[in-house]
Amino acid sequence: MTDHIVDARGLQCPMPVIKLSQAIMAAQSGETVELISTDRGSCSDVPSWANDMGQTLKEQFEKDGEFHFVLVKS
């Protein structure tokens, strides 16, 4: 179970990462944020963003054509 869920289904680059960034900024250290996206570009954008921003990408998977990313705020 995650602390925050960001629904970015139907949004194209760069909006999923922008919405994720906003959610991470609002989260407390140690909280988890799950991004759900239908933009295939998120599969490379989110891990790169997490690495650049020093955030931990805990899990990444695809389910029913949706891409899920679970991050832990540093």
Protein backbone atom coordinates (compact mmCIF):
# COMPACT_ATOMS: atom_id res chain seq x y z
CA MET A 1 0.00 0.00 0.00
CA THR A 2 1.28 3.42 -0.94
CA ASP A 3 0.83 6.70 0.91
CA HIS A 4 0.01 8.75 -2.21
CA ILE A 5 -1.29 7.82 -5.67
CA VAL A 6 -0.77 10.01 -8.74
CA ASP A 7 -3.18 9.22 -11.56
CA ALA A 8 -1.54 10.37 -14.79
CA ARG A 9 -3.47 8.06 -17.10
CA GLY A 10 -4.16 9.71 -20.46
CA LEU A 11 -1.46 12.35 -19.97
CA GLN A 12 1.53 12.62 -22.30
CA CYS A 13 5.12 13.60 -21.60
CA PRO A 14 6.10 15.62 -19.64
CA MET A 15 2.92 15.70 -17.52
CA PRO A 16 3.32 12.36 -15.70
CA VAL A 17 6.75 13.39 -14.41
CA ILE A 18 5.52 16.88 -13.52
CA LYS A 19 2.63 15.43 -11.51
CA LEU A 20 5.02 12.95 -9.85
CA SER A 21 7.40 15.76 -8.96
CA GLN A 22 4.59 17.75 -7.34
CA ALA A 23 3.48 14.73 -5.31
CA ILE A 24 7.03 13.96 -4.16
CA MET A 25 7.48 17.58 -3.03
CA ALA A 26 4.28 17.38 -0.98
CA ALA A 27 5.16 14.00 0.58
CA GLN A 28 7.09 13.51 3.80
CA SER A 29 10.47 11.78 3.85
CA GLY A 30 9.99 8.00 3.79
CA GLU A 31 6.48 8.14 2.34
CA THR A 32 5.69 6.27 -0.86
CA VAL A 33 4.19 7.73 -4.01
CA GLU A 34 2.74 5.57 -6.78
CA LEU A 35 2.47 6.98 -10.29
CA ILE A 36 0.05 5.32 -12.71
CA SER A 37 0.64 6.31 -16.32
CA THR A 38 -0.43 5.20 -19.80
CA ASP A 39 2.45 7.06 -21.47
CA ARG A 40 5.07 4.47 -22.51
CA GLY A 41 7.71 7.19 -22.30
CA SER A 42 7.28 7.12 -18.54
CA CYS A 43 9.15 3.80 -18.51
CA SER A 44 12.38 5.65 -19.22
CA ASP A 45 11.44 9.13 -17.94
CA VAL A 46 10.52 8.15 -14.37
CA PRO A 47 13.66 6.10 -13.57
CA SER A 48 15.84 8.87 -15.03
CA TRP A 49 13.98 11.54 -13.06
CA ALA A 50 14.22 9.51 -9.84
CA ASN A 51 17.95 9.04 -10.32
CA ASP A 52 18.54 12.72 -11.13
CA MET A 53 16.45 13.87 -8.15
CA GLY A 54 17.90 11.41 -5.63
CA GLN A 55 14.60 9.59 -5.10
CA THR A 56 14.30 5.81 -4.70
CA LEU A 57 12.39 3.89 -7.35
CA LYS A 58 11.20 0.93 -5.29
CA GLU A 59 9.10 -0.84 -7.89
CA GLN A 60 8.17 -0.54 -11.57
CA PHE A 61 5.70 -2.78 -13.40
CA GLU A 62 3.11 -2.88 -16.18
CA LYS A 63 -0.43 -4.09 -15.58
CA ASP A 64 -3.31 -4.02 -18.07
CA GLY A 65 -1.52 -1.52 -20.32
CA GLU A 66 -0.78 0.85 -17.45
CA PHE A 67 2.68 1.61 -16.10
CA HIS A 68 3.10 1.73 -12.32
CA PHE A 69 6.02 3.28 -10.46
CA VAL A 70 6.39 3.23 -6.69
CA LEU A 71 8.89 5.70 -5.27
CA VAL A 72 10.07 6.42 -1.74
CA LYS A 73 10.74 10.06 -0.94
CA SER A 74 14.27 10.62 0.30
